[in-house]
Protein backbone atom coordinates (compact mmCIF):
# COMPACT_ATOMS: atom_id res chain seq x y z
CA MET A 1 -57.62 -52.77 5.09
CA ILE A 2 -57.01 -56.50 5.03
CA LYS A 3 -54.56 -57.56 2.33
CA SER A 4 -53.57 -61.05 3.42
CA ILE A 5 -54.98 -64.21 4.96
CA ILE A 6 -52.54 -66.52 6.69
CA PHE A 7 -53.34 -70.12 7.54
CA ASP A 8 -51.93 -72.63 9.97
CA CYS A 9 -51.16 -76.02 8.47
CA PHE A 10 -51.90 -78.88 10.89
CA GLY A 11 -55.46 -78.83 12.18
CA VAL A 12 -56.58 -76.26 9.60
CA LEU A 13 -55.38 -76.93 6.05
CA THR A 14 -54.73 -80.57 6.89
CA SER A 15 -55.76 -82.92 9.64
CA ASP A 16 -53.29 -83.24 12.50
CA GLY A 17 -51.89 -86.68 13.27
CA TRP A 18 -49.63 -85.53 16.13
CA LEU A 19 -52.27 -84.23 18.55
CA PRO A 20 -54.39 -87.43 18.53
CA PHE A 21 -51.20 -89.50 18.91
CA ALA A 22 -50.05 -87.40 21.86
CA GLN A 23 -53.48 -87.48 23.52
CA LYS A 24 -53.80 -91.24 23.08
CA HIS A 25 -50.37 -92.08 24.47
CA PHE A 26 -49.60 -89.26 26.91
CA GLY A 27 -52.95 -87.72 27.87
CA ASN A 28 -53.16 -89.44 31.26
CA ASP A 29 -49.49 -89.16 32.21
CA PRO A 30 -48.46 -85.57 33.00
CA ILE A 31 -44.74 -86.36 33.00
CA ALA A 32 -44.80 -88.16 29.64
CA LYS A 33 -47.11 -85.46 28.27
CA GLN A 34 -44.58 -82.77 29.20
CA GLN A 35 -41.71 -84.79 27.75
CA ALA A 36 -43.61 -85.25 24.49
CA HIS A 37 -44.46 -81.53 24.42
CA ASP A 38 -40.80 -80.66 24.95
CA LEU A 39 -39.75 -83.00 22.11
CA SER A 40 -42.39 -81.46 19.86
CA ARG A 41 -41.08 -77.97 20.61
CA GLN A 42 -37.52 -79.09 19.89
CA VAL A 43 -38.38 -80.54 16.48
CA ASP A 44 -40.56 -77.56 15.59
CA SER A 45 -37.72 -75.19 16.52
CA GLY A 46 -35.20 -77.07 14.41
CA LEU A 47 -33.26 -78.29 17.45
CA LEU A 48 -34.06 -81.97 16.89
CA ASP A 49 -34.34 -83.76 13.57
CA TYR A 50 -37.66 -85.33 12.67
CA ASP A 51 -36.46 -88.93 12.68
CA GLY A 52 -34.97 -88.44 16.13
CA PHE A 53 -38.23 -86.92 17.31
CA VAL A 54 -40.31 -89.86 16.06
CA ALA A 55 -37.89 -92.37 17.57
CA GLN A 56 -38.02 -90.66 20.96
CA VAL A 57 -41.80 -90.26 21.09
CA ALA A 58 -42.24 -93.87 19.93
CA ASP A 59 -40.01 -94.98 22.80
CA LEU A 60 -41.90 -92.74 25.23
CA ALA A 61 -45.24 -94.14 23.97
CA HIS A 62 -43.96 -97.75 23.98
CA VAL A 63 -44.91 -98.26 20.32
CA GLU A 64 -42.91 -99.33 17.28
CA VAL A 65 -41.27 -96.50 15.36
CA THR A 66 -43.11 -97.53 12.18
CA GLN A 67 -46.45 -97.22 14.00
CA ALA A 68 -45.49 -93.81 15.38
CA TYR A 69 -44.66 -92.57 11.86
CA LYS A 70 -47.96 -93.93 10.56
CA ASP A 71 -50.02 -92.28 13.31
CA ILE A 72 -48.18 -88.94 13.40
CA GLU A 73 -48.14 -88.58 9.62
CA ASN A 74 -51.86 -89.25 9.27
CA ASN A 75 -52.49 -85.81 7.76
CA VAL A 76 -55.10 -85.30 5.06
CA ALA A 77 -55.46 -82.02 3.16
CA ASP A 78 -58.87 -80.34 3.36
CA GLN A 79 -59.82 -79.97 -0.32
CA ARG A 80 -62.92 -77.95 0.49
CA LEU A 81 -60.85 -75.41 2.39
CA PHE A 82 -58.26 -75.29 -0.39
CA ASP A 83 -61.03 -74.57 -2.90
CA TYR A 84 -62.04 -71.62 -0.72
CA VAL A 85 -58.42 -70.47 -0.42
CA ALA A 86 -58.21 -70.47 -4.23
CA GLN A 87 -61.19 -68.08 -4.30
CA LEU A 88 -59.61 -65.85 -1.64
CA LYS A 89 -56.34 -65.70 -3.59
CA LYS A 90 -58.07 -63.69 -6.32
CA THR A 91 -58.20 -60.76 -3.86
CA TYR A 92 -55.77 -61.48 -1.03
CA LYS A 93 -52.20 -62.61 -0.53
CA ILE A 94 -52.19 -66.09 1.00
CA GLY A 95 -49.67 -67.14 3.62
CA LEU A 96 -48.85 -70.22 5.64
CA LEU A 97 -47.44 -70.03 9.17
CA SER A 98 -46.93 -73.35 10.92
CA ASN A 99 -45.07 -74.99 13.75
CA ALA A 100 -43.45 -77.73 11.69
CA GLY A 101 -40.39 -79.89 12.18
CA ALA A 102 -39.55 -79.99 8.44
CA ASP A 103 -40.78 -78.75 5.07
CA TRP A 104 -43.44 -81.31 4.19
CA LEU A 105 -45.56 -79.07 1.99
CA ASP A 106 -44.87 -81.07 -1.18
CA GLU A 107 -45.80 -84.28 0.64
CA LEU A 108 -48.94 -82.91 2.30
CA PHE A 109 -50.33 -80.92 -0.60
CA THR A 110 -50.61 -81.05 -4.38
CA ALA A 111 -48.47 -78.72 -6.49
CA ASP A 112 -51.57 -76.61 -7.20
CA GLN A 113 -52.29 -76.30 -3.48
CA VAL A 114 -48.69 -75.29 -2.68
CA ALA A 115 -48.82 -72.72 -5.48
CA LEU A 116 -51.61 -70.89 -3.63
CA PHE A 117 -49.15 -69.65 -0.99
CA ASP A 118 -47.50 -66.32 -1.70
CA ALA A 119 -45.21 -66.91 1.28
CA THR A 120 -44.59 -69.51 3.96
CA ALA A 121 -42.93 -69.43 7.36
CA LEU A 122 -42.19 -72.75 9.05
CA SER A 123 -40.94 -72.83 12.62
CA PHE A 124 -38.03 -75.20 12.03
CA GLU A 125 -36.46 -72.84 9.49
CA MET A 126 -37.16 -69.70 11.56
CA GLY A 127 -35.89 -71.27 14.79
CA ILE A 128 -38.98 -70.00 16.64
CA THR A 129 -42.51 -71.26 17.13
CA LYS A 130 -45.91 -69.71 17.54
CA PRO A 131 -46.95 -67.93 19.71
CA TYR A 132 -43.66 -65.99 19.78
CA PRO A 133 -44.34 -62.58 18.19
CA GLN A 134 -41.43 -62.88 15.74
CA ALA A 135 -43.12 -65.85 14.03
CA TYR A 136 -46.10 -63.67 13.08
CA HIS A 137 -43.89 -60.75 12.10
CA THR A 138 -41.83 -63.04 9.85
CA ILE A 139 -44.80 -64.19 7.76
CA CYS A 140 -46.14 -60.62 7.53
CA ASP A 141 -42.72 -59.42 6.34
CA ARG A 142 -42.53 -62.20 3.75
CA LEU A 143 -45.98 -61.24 2.47
CA GLY A 144 -45.14 -57.53 2.48
CA VAL A 145 -48.01 -56.59 4.78
CA GLN A 146 -48.34 -54.97 8.19
CA PRO A 147 -49.83 -57.08 10.99
CA ASN A 148 -53.05 -55.00 10.95
CA GLU A 149 -53.46 -55.90 7.25
CA ALA A 150 -53.51 -59.66 7.89
CA VAL A 151 -55.90 -62.29 9.23
CA PHE A 152 -54.42 -65.36 10.89
CA VAL A 153 -56.37 -68.64 11.13
CA ASP A 154 -55.31 -71.32 13.64
CA ASP A 155 -56.99 -74.23 15.40
CA ILE A 156 -55.05 -73.58 18.63
CA GLU A 157 -56.60 -70.71 20.58
CA ARG A 158 -53.34 -69.45 22.12
CA TYR A 159 -51.79 -69.18 18.64
CA ALA A 160 -54.74 -67.10 17.42
CA THR A 161 -54.38 -64.96 20.55
CA GLY A 162 -50.66 -64.54 19.83
CA ALA A 163 -51.55 -63.09 16.43
CA LYS A 164 -54.04 -60.67 18.00
CA ASP A 165 -51.39 -59.61 20.51
CA ILE A 166 -49.25 -58.16 17.70
CA GLY A 167 -52.19 -56.43 16.01
CA MET A 168 -53.34 -59.03 13.51
CA TYR A 169 -56.92 -60.11 13.02
CA ALA A 170 -57.31 -63.71 14.08
CA ILE A 171 -59.83 -66.52 13.85
CA TRP A 172 -59.77 -69.52 16.14
CA TYR A 173 -60.57 -72.31 13.67
CA LYS A 174 -63.09 -74.97 14.65
CA ASN A 175 -64.43 -76.08 11.27
CA TYR A 176 -64.81 -74.96 7.68
CA ASP A 177 -68.30 -73.48 7.98
CA GLN A 178 -67.42 -71.48 11.10
CA LEU A 179 -64.24 -70.17 9.45
CA LYS A 180 -66.01 -69.13 6.26
CA GLN A 181 -68.75 -67.32 8.15
CA GLU A 182 -66.37 -65.48 10.51
CA LEU A 183 -63.87 -64.63 7.78
CA GLU A 184 -66.46 -63.29 5.37
CA GLN A 185 -67.98 -61.16 8.12
CA LEU A 186 -64.55 -59.86 9.12
CA LEU A 187 -63.60 -59.05 5.52
CA ALA A 188 -66.91 -57.29 4.89
CA ASN A 189 -66.54 -55.18 8.05
CA SER A 190 -62.84 -54.40 7.63
CA ASN A 191 -62.59 -53.53 3.97
CA PRO A 192 -64.37 -50.52 2.47
């Protein structure tokens, strides 16, 4: 029986400024792309502070640091999805599992939106990132559910697959309508 629905942050609950920035500046240069990926992993794992990350990727991209901040932090919350999450919260525990270099929840979301989460697990504070199994186990533990009692929603396919690998239900997020349809079908088929 499904008891919890866990959402990714960037690319699901909010737009993702980092991926377009990385694609624009590093997409055609495999060496720079790998360096940027490595820096992203370091900040998400808590090994590099956020300001240091932005400074290094700005240098790598040959852009001003202020422009890099502006582009990377171009994250807009999806109000329509949050309205749906508020409906889901009446029946299910709501979690947030994200690869994030800092706790920006209060900056990204309203107080009412943050209050919807029963538990959060951010990579920088765990010291691990998705798709490592412990990331998924951590959010399940914080929600008090077993992996087979949780659905994980992520816009990155390998992160959804990582959740499935530990026994969670998972949805590879493409857009709101697709998510709602797949989730409602899954909940109807999984819960008596």
